[in-house]
Amino acid sequence: MSLPDVVLDYEVLADDIAAKVKLDGEHLVLLAESFSGPLAVLLATRLDVQALVLVARIKPPLLLIQFLLTGGDRR
């Protein structure tokens, strides 16, 4: 599916995409990464989706990971 060549806000873009999606009784899972998350949430309200998966690609600091995995115990 091609997207419009013009800048649109999320609401208008979600309406445009939802009008083009043909499910024919099939299940739909939306996967959104980073900035496409808000668009996927809007699409999920317009389409009959089975699941919505939002992925954030943030690399937390190593010290935070160590703390969460060890509970702060460095032994």
PDB file of N, CA and C in Angstrom:
ATOM      1  N   MET A   1       0.842  -1.160   0.000  1.00  0.00           N
ATOM      2  CA  MET A   1       0.000   0.000   0.000  1.00  0.00           C
ATOM      3  C   MET A   1       0.894   1.232   0.000  1.00  0.00           C
ATOM      4  N   SER A   2       0.642   2.121  -0.893  1.00  0.00           N
ATOM      5  CA  SER A   2       1.440   3.348  -0.946  1.00  0.00           C
ATOM      6  C   SER A   2       0.775   4.425  -0.097  1.00  0.00           C
ATOM      7  N   LEU A   3       1.603   5.247   0.507  1.00  0.00           N
ATOM      8  CA  LEU A   3       1.102   6.345   1.318  1.00  0.00           C
ATOM      9  C   LEU A   3       1.073   7.618   0.479  1.00  0.00           C
ATOM     10  N   PRO A   4       0.254   8.579   0.869  1.00  0.00           N
ATOM     11  CA  PRO A   4       0.180   9.838   0.112  1.00  0.00           C
ATOM     12  C   PRO A   4       1.526  10.550   0.062  1.00  0.00           C
ATOM     13  N   ASP A   5       1.715  11.331  -0.989  1.00  0.00           N
ATOM     14  CA  ASP A   5       2.957  12.089  -1.168  1.00  0.00           C
ATOM     15  C   ASP A   5       2.921  13.447  -0.469  1.00  0.00           C
ATOM     16  N   VAL A   6       1.841  13.705   0.249  1.00  0.00           N
ATOM     17  CA  VAL A   6       1.704  14.986   0.947  1.00  0.00           C
ATOM     18  C   VAL A   6       1.733  14.745   2.449  1.00  0.00           C
ATOM     19  N   VAL A   7       2.036  15.808   3.184  1.00  0.00           N
ATOM     20  CA  VAL A   7       2.069  15.710   4.643  1.00  0.00           C
ATOM     21  C   VAL A   7       0.636  15.765   5.171  1.00  0.00           C
ATOM     22  N   LEU A   8       0.279  14.762   5.964  1.00  0.00           N
ATOM     23  CA  LEU A   8      -1.060  14.698   6.561  1.00  0.00           C
ATOM     24  C   LEU A   8      -0.922  14.493   8.058  1.00  0.00           C
ATOM     25  N   ASP A   9      -1.935  14.934   8.818  1.00  0.00           N
ATOM     26  CA  ASP A   9      -1.876  14.648  10.250  1.00  0.00           C
ATOM     27  C   ASP A   9      -2.306  13.202  10.473  1.00  0.00           C
ATOM     28  N   TYR A  10      -2.089  12.709  11.696  1.00  0.00           N
ATOM     29  CA  TYR A  10      -2.357  11.306  12.003  1.00  0.00           C
ATOM     30  C   TYR A  10      -3.815  10.916  11.746  1.00  0.00           C
ATOM     31  N   GLU A  11      -4.752  11.780  12.120  1.00  0.00           N
ATOM     32  CA  GLU A  11      -6.177  11.459  11.955  1.00  0.00           C
ATOM     33  C   GLU A  11      -6.525  11.231  10.484  1.00  0.00           C
ATOM     34  N   VAL A  12      -6.100  12.140   9.629  1.00  0.00           N
ATOM     35  CA  VAL A  12      -6.400  12.043   8.198  1.00  0.00           C
ATOM     36  C   VAL A  12      -5.689  10.834   7.592  1.00  0.00           C
ATOM     37  N   LEU A  13      -4.452  10.621   7.969  1.00  0.00           N
ATOM     38  CA  LEU A  13      -3.698   9.487   7.451  1.00  0.00           C
ATOM     39  C   LEU A  13      -4.327   8.168   7.900  1.00  0.00           C
ATOM     40  N   ALA A  14      -4.758   8.084   9.149  1.00  0.00           N
ATOM     41  CA  ALA A  14      -5.417   6.868   9.646  1.00  0.00           C
ATOM     42  C   ALA A  14      -6.701   6.595   8.883  1.00  0.00           C
ATOM     43  N   ASP A  15      -7.483   7.634   8.611  1.00  0.00           N
ATOM     44  CA  ASP A  15      -8.707   7.458   7.820  1.00  0.00           C
ATOM     45  C   ASP A  15      -8.387   6.951   6.423  1.00  0.00           C
ATOM     46  N   ASP A  16      -7.349   7.512   5.806  1.00  0.00           N
ATOM     47  CA  ASP A  16      -6.948   7.127   4.455  1.00  0.00           C
ATOM     48  C   ASP A  16      -6.512   5.659   4.408  1.00  0.00           C
ATOM     49  N   ILE A  17      -5.688   5.260   5.357  1.00  0.00           N
ATOM     50  CA  ILE A  17      -5.201   3.870   5.388  1.00  0.00           C
ATOM     51  C   ILE A  17      -6.338   2.907   5.696  1.00  0.00           C
ATOM     52  N   ALA A  18      -7.164   3.241   6.678  1.00  0.00           N
ATOM     53  CA  ALA A  18      -8.277   2.362   7.067  1.00  0.00           C
ATOM     54  C   ALA A  18      -9.223   2.116   5.895  1.00  0.00           C
ATOM     55  N   ALA A  19      -9.418   3.128   5.051  1.00  0.00           N
ATOM     56  CA  ALA A  19     -10.305   2.978   3.895  1.00  0.00           C
ATOM     57  C   ALA A  19      -9.725   2.027   2.852  1.00  0.00           C
ATOM     58  N   LYS A  20      -8.403   1.867   2.834  1.00  0.00           N
ATOM     59  CA  LYS A  20      -7.741   1.016   1.845  1.00  0.00           C
ATOM     60  C   LYS A  20      -7.574  -0.431   2.301  1.00  0.00           C
ATOM     61  N   VAL A  21      -7.698  -0.688   3.603  1.00  0.00           N
ATOM     62  CA  VAL A  21      -7.459  -2.032   4.138  1.00  0.00           C
ATOM     63  C   VAL A  21      -8.676  -2.917   3.899  1.00  0.00           C
ATOM     64  N   LYS A  22      -8.450  -4.063   3.289  1.00  0.00           N
ATOM     65  CA  LYS A  22      -9.502  -5.051   3.047  1.00  0.00           C
ATOM     66  C   LYS A  22      -9.145  -6.318   3.808  1.00  0.00           C
ATOM     67  N   LEU A  23      -9.916  -6.655   4.836  1.00  0.00           N
ATOM     68  CA  LEU A  23      -9.576  -7.797   5.677  1.00  0.00           C
ATOM     69  C   LEU A  23     -10.146  -9.109   5.171  1.00  0.00           C
ATOM     70  N   ASP A  24     -11.320  -9.095   4.587  1.00  0.00           N
ATOM     71  CA  ASP A  24     -11.955 -10.317   4.077  1.00  0.00           C
ATOM     72  C   ASP A  24     -11.977 -11.428   5.119  1.00  0.00           C
ATOM     73  N   GLY A  25     -12.308 -11.089   6.363  1.00  0.00           N
ATOM     74  CA  GLY A  25     -12.416 -12.087   7.421  1.00  0.00           C
ATOM     75  C   GLY A  25     -11.106 -12.549   7.997  1.00  0.00           C
ATOM     76  N   GLU A  26     -10.002 -11.998   7.532  1.00  0.00           N
ATOM     77  CA  GLU A  26      -8.701 -12.412   8.046  1.00  0.00           C
ATOM     78  C   GLU A  26      -8.347 -11.603   9.289  1.00  0.00           C
ATOM     79  N   HIS A  27      -7.457 -12.146  10.099  1.00  0.00           N
ATOM     80  CA  HIS A  27      -7.025 -11.473  11.316  1.00  0.00           C
ATOM     81  C   HIS A  27      -5.964 -10.433  10.986  1.00  0.00           C
ATOM     82  N   LEU A  28      -6.004  -9.350  11.720  1.00  0.00           N
ATOM     83  CA  LEU A  28      -5.047  -8.278  11.499  1.00  0.00           C
ATOM     84  C   LEU A  28      -4.298  -7.986  12.799  1.00  0.00           C
ATOM     85  N   VAL A  29      -2.980  -8.006  12.712  1.00  0.00           N
ATOM     86  CA  VAL A  29      -2.113  -7.612  13.816  1.00  0.00           C
ATOM     87  C   VAL A  29      -1.317  -6.407  13.349  1.00  0.00           C
ATOM     88  N   LEU A  30      -1.394  -5.326  14.108  1.00  0.00           N
ATOM     89  CA  LEU A  30      -0.626  -4.133  13.767  1.00  0.00           C
ATOM     90  C   LEU A  30       0.653  -4.115  14.579  1.00  0.00           C
ATOM     91  N   LEU A  31       1.750  -3.839  13.900  1.00  0.00           N
ATOM     92  CA  LEU A  31       3.055  -3.711  14.540  1.00  0.00           C
ATOM     93  C   LEU A  31       3.568  -2.312  14.241  1.00  0.00           C
ATOM     94  N   ALA A  32       3.839  -1.546  15.282  1.00  0.00           N
ATOM     95  CA  ALA A  32       4.296  -0.172  15.094  1.00  0.00           C
ATOM     96  C   ALA A  32       5.572   0.052  15.880  1.00  0.00           C
ATOM     97  N   GLU A  33       6.491   0.742  15.251  1.00  0.00           N
ATOM     98  CA  GLU A  33       7.764   1.031  15.898  1.00  0.00           C
ATOM     99  C   GLU A  33       7.953   2.536  15.995  1.00  0.00           C
ATOM    100  N   SER A  34       8.338   2.980  17.149  1.00  0.00           N
ATOM    101  CA  SER A  34       8.734   4.351  17.394  1.00  0.00           C
ATOM    102  C   SER A  34       7.632   5.348  17.032  1.00  0.00           C
ATOM    103  N   PHE A  35       7.887   6.218  16.068  1.00  0.00           N
ATOM    104  CA  PHE A  35       6.962   7.301  15.759  1.00  0.00           C
ATOM    105  C   PHE A  35       5.677   6.851  15.065  1.00  0.00           C
ATOM    106  N   SER A  36       5.605   5.610  14.588  1.00  0.00           N
ATOM    107  CA  SER A  36       4.372   5.141  13.962  1.00  0.00           C
ATOM    108  C   SER A  36       3.366   4.635  14.992  1.00  0.00           C
ATOM    109  N   GLY A  37       3.750   4.631  16.271  1.00  0.00           N
ATOM    110  CA  GLY A  37       2.858   4.176  17.338  1.00  0.00           C
ATOM    111  C   GLY A  37       1.527   4.905  17.385  1.00  0.00           C
ATOM    112  N   PRO A  38       1.515   6.240  17.401  1.00  0.00           N
ATOM    113  CA  PRO A  38       0.235   6.950  17.438  1.00  0.00           C
ATOM    114  C   PRO A  38      -0.665   6.624  16.240  1.00  0.00           C
ATOM    115  N   LEU A  39      -0.076   6.455  15.074  1.00  0.00           N
ATOM    116  CA  LEU A  39      -0.860   6.098  13.891  1.00  0.00           C
ATOM    117  C   LEU A  39      -1.462   4.704  14.055  1.00  0.00           C
ATOM    118  N   ALA A  40      -0.697   3.777  14.573  1.00  0.00           N
ATOM    119  CA  ALA A  40      -1.202   2.415  14.778  1.00  0.00           C
ATOM    120  C   ALA A  40      -2.336   2.390  15.792  1.00  0.00           C
ATOM    121  N   VAL A  41      -2.238   3.197  16.837  1.00  0.00           N
ATOM    122  CA  VAL A  41      -3.311   3.260  17.827  1.00  0.00           C
ATOM    123  C   VAL A  41      -4.597   3.777  17.175  1.00  0.00           C
ATOM    124  N   LEU A  42      -4.479   4.803  16.356  1.00  0.00           N
ATOM    125  CA  LEU A  42      -5.651   5.316  15.649  1.00  0.00           C
ATOM    126  C   LEU A  42      -6.222   4.277  14.689  1.00  0.00           C
ATOM    127  N   LEU A  43      -5.342   3.562  13.986  1.00  0.00           N
ATOM    128  CA  LEU A  43      -5.817   2.520  13.073  1.00  0.00           C
ATOM    129  C   LEU A  43      -6.529   1.404  13.827  1.00  0.00           C
ATOM    130  N   ALA A  44      -6.027   1.075  14.997  1.00  0.00           N
ATOM    131  CA  ALA A  44      -6.650   0.012  15.797  1.00  0.00           C
ATOM    132  C   ALA A  44      -8.069   0.382  16.204  1.00  0.00           C
ATOM    133  N   THR A  45      -8.351   1.674  16.348  1.00  0.00           N
ATOM    134  CA  THR A  45      -9.709   2.098  16.676  1.00  0.00           C
ATOM    135  C   THR A  45     -10.625   2.077  15.460  1.00  0.00           C
ATOM    136  N   ARG A  46     -10.043   2.081  14.276  1.00  0.00           N
ATOM    137  CA  ARG A  46     -10.842   2.104  13.052  1.00  0.00           C
ATOM    138  C   ARG A  46     -11.005   0.725  12.412  1.00  0.00           C
ATOM    139  N   LEU A  47     -10.130  -0.198  12.747  1.00  0.00           N
ATOM    140  CA  LEU A  47     -10.138  -1.527  12.136  1.00  0.00           C
ATOM    141  C   LEU A  47     -10.358  -2.595  13.210  1.00  0.00           C
ATOM    142  N   ASP A  48     -10.801  -3.752  12.797  1.00  0.00           N
ATOM    143  CA  ASP A  48     -11.013  -4.860  13.717  1.00  0.00           C
ATOM    144  C   ASP A  48      -9.701  -5.628  13.853  1.00  0.00           C
ATOM    145  N   VAL A  49      -8.850  -5.171  14.773  1.00  0.00           N
ATOM    146  CA  VAL A  49      -7.537  -5.788  14.925  1.00  0.00           C
ATOM    147  C   VAL A  49      -7.553  -6.832  16.043  1.00  0.00           C
ATOM    148  N   GLN A  50      -6.761  -7.870  15.863  1.00  0.00           N
ATOM    149  CA  GLN A  50      -6.611  -8.914  16.878  1.00  0.00           C
ATOM    150  C   GLN A  50      -5.600  -8.488  17.932  1.00  0.00           C
ATOM    151  N   ALA A  51      -4.579  -7.754  17.505  1.00  0.00           N
ATOM    152  CA  ALA A  51      -3.546  -7.326  18.441  1.00  0.00           C
ATOM    153  C   ALA A  51      -2.861  -6.076  17.908  1.00  0.00           C
ATOM    154  N   LEU A  52      -2.365  -5.295  18.845  1.00  0.00           N
ATOM    155  CA  LEU A  52      -1.582  -4.112  18.526  1.00  0.00           C
ATOM    156  C   LEU A  52      -0.273  -4.235  19.298  1.00  0.00           C
ATOM    157  N   VAL A  53       0.839  -4.223  18.577  1.00  0.00           N
ATOM    158  CA  VAL A  53       2.150  -4.364  19.196  1.00  0.00           C
ATOM    159  C   VAL A  53       2.906  -3.055  18.997  1.00  0.00           C
ATOM    160  N   LEU A  54       3.253  -2.419  20.114  1.00  0.00           N
ATOM    161  CA  LEU A  54       4.004  -1.174  20.066  1.00  0.00           C
ATOM    162  C   LEU A  54       5.434  -1.460  20.511  1.00  0.00           C
ATOM    163  N   VAL A  55       6.384  -1.089  19.673  1.00  0.00           N
ATOM    164  CA  VAL A  55       7.794  -1.368  19.945  1.00  0.00           C
ATOM    165  C   VAL A  55       8.534  -0.048  20.123  1.00  0.00           C
ATOM    166  N   ALA A  56       9.238   0.071  21.225  1.00  0.00           N
ATOM    167  CA  ALA A  56      10.064   1.261  21.463  1.00  0.00           C
ATOM    168  C   ALA A  56      11.522   0.843  21.394  1.00  0.00           C
ATOM    169  N   ARG A  57      12.279   1.546  20.615  1.00  0.00           N
ATOM    170  CA  ARG A  57      13.703   1.221  20.479  1.00  0.00           C
ATOM    171  C   ARG A  57      14.513   2.239  21.257  1.00  0.00           C
ATOM    172  N   ILE A  58      14.549   2.026  22.553  1.00  0.00           N
ATOM    173  CA  ILE A  58      15.325   2.902  23.419  1.00  0.00           C
ATOM    174  C   ILE A  58      16.395   2.061  24.090  1.00  0.00           C
ATOM    175  N   LYS A  59      17.600   2.512  24.025  1.00  0.00           N
ATOM    176  CA  LYS A  59      18.689   1.775  24.658  1.00  0.00           C
ATOM    177  C   LYS A  59      18.928   2.363  26.049  1.00  0.00           C
ATOM    178  N   PRO A  60      18.480   1.640  27.084  1.00  0.00           N
ATOM    179  CA  PRO A  60      18.679   2.162  28.435  1.00  0.00           C
ATOM    180  C   PRO A  60      20.149   2.094  28.831  1.00  0.00           C
ATOM    181  N   PRO A  61      20.561   2.947  29.772  1.00  0.00           N
ATOM    182  CA  PRO A  61      21.955   2.922  30.239  1.00  0.00           C
ATOM    183  C   PRO A  61      22.288   1.577  30.881  1.00  0.00           C
ATOM    184  N   LEU A  62      23.518   1.136  30.713  1.00  0.00           N
ATOM    185  CA  LEU A  62      23.967  -0.141  31.244  1.00  0.00           C
ATOM    186  C   LEU A  62      23.771  -0.235  32.754  1.00  0.00           C
ATOM    187  N   LEU A  63      24.026   0.847  33.479  1.00  0.00           N
ATOM    188  CA  LEU A  63      23.853   0.824  34.936  1.00  0.00           C
ATOM    189  C   LEU A  63      22.392   0.562  35.315  1.00  0.00           C
ATOM    190  N   LEU A  64      21.466   1.099  34.560  1.00  0.00           N
ATOM    191  CA  LEU A  64      20.050   0.847  34.839  1.00  0.00           C
ATOM    192  C   LEU A  64      19.714  -0.621  34.617  1.00  0.00           C
ATOM    193  N   ILE A  65      20.227  -1.212  33.559  1.00  0.00           N
ATOM    194  CA  ILE A  65      19.983  -2.636  33.286  1.00  0.00           C
ATOM    195  C   ILE A  65      20.559  -3.490  34.407  1.00  0.00           C
ATOM    196  N   GLN A  66      21.786  -3.173  34.823  1.00  0.00           N
ATOM    197  CA  GLN A  66      22.410  -3.932  35.917  1.00  0.00           C
ATOM    198  C   GLN A  66      21.584  -3.827  37.190  1.00  0.00           C
ATOM    199  N   PHE A  67      21.114  -2.630  37.499  1.00  0.00           N
ATOM    200  CA  PHE A  67      20.324  -2.433  38.702  1.00  0.00           C
ATOM    201  C   PHE A  67      19.024  -3.229  38.643  1.00  0.00           C
ATOM    202  N   LEU A  68      18.341  -3.186  37.505  1.00  0.00           N
ATOM    203  CA  LEU A  68      17.064  -3.895  37.367  1.00  0.00           C
ATOM    204  C   LEU A  68      17.249  -5.411  37.423  1.00  0.00           C
ATOM    205  N   LEU A  69      18.345  -5.904  36.892  1.00  0.00           N
ATOM    206  CA  LEU A  69      18.586  -7.346  36.890  1.00  0.00           C
ATOM    207  C   LEU A  69      19.083  -7.875  38.231  1.00  0.00           C
ATOM    208  N   THR A  70      19.775  -7.027  38.991  1.00  0.00           N
ATOM    209  CA  THR A  70      20.359  -7.492  40.247  1.00  0.00           C
ATOM    210  C   THR A  70      19.676  -6.926  41.476  1.00  0.00           C
ATOM    211  N   GLY A  71      18.720  -6.028  41.287  1.00  0.00           N
ATOM    212  CA  GLY A  71      18.090  -5.389  42.437  1.00  0.00           C
ATOM    213  C   GLY A  71      19.022  -4.459  43.182  1.00  0.00           C
ATOM    214  N   GLY A  72      20.075  -4.039  42.540  1.00  0.00           N
ATOM    215  CA  GLY A  72      21.032  -3.128  43.146  1.00  0.00           C
ATOM    216  C   GLY A  72      22.200  -3.834  43.836  1.00  0.00           C
ATOM    217  N   ASP A  73      22.143  -5.164  43.898  1.00  0.00           N
ATOM    218  CA  ASP A  73      23.216  -5.930  44.527  1.00  0.00           C
ATOM    219  C   ASP A  73      24.300  -6.183  43.494  1.00  0.00           C
ATOM    220  N   ARG A  74      25.490  -5.610  43.683  1.00  0.00           N
ATOM    221  CA  ARG A  74      26.569  -5.722  42.705  1.00  0.00           C
ATOM    222  C   ARG A  74      27.447  -6.951  42.914  1.00  0.00           C
ATOM    223  N   ARG A  75      27.134  -7.776  43.894  1.00  0.00           N
ATOM    224  CA  ARG A  75      27.978  -8.966  44.140  1.00  0.00           C
ATOM    225  C   ARG A  75      27.803  -9.983  43.077  1.00  0.00           C
TER     226      ARG A  75
END
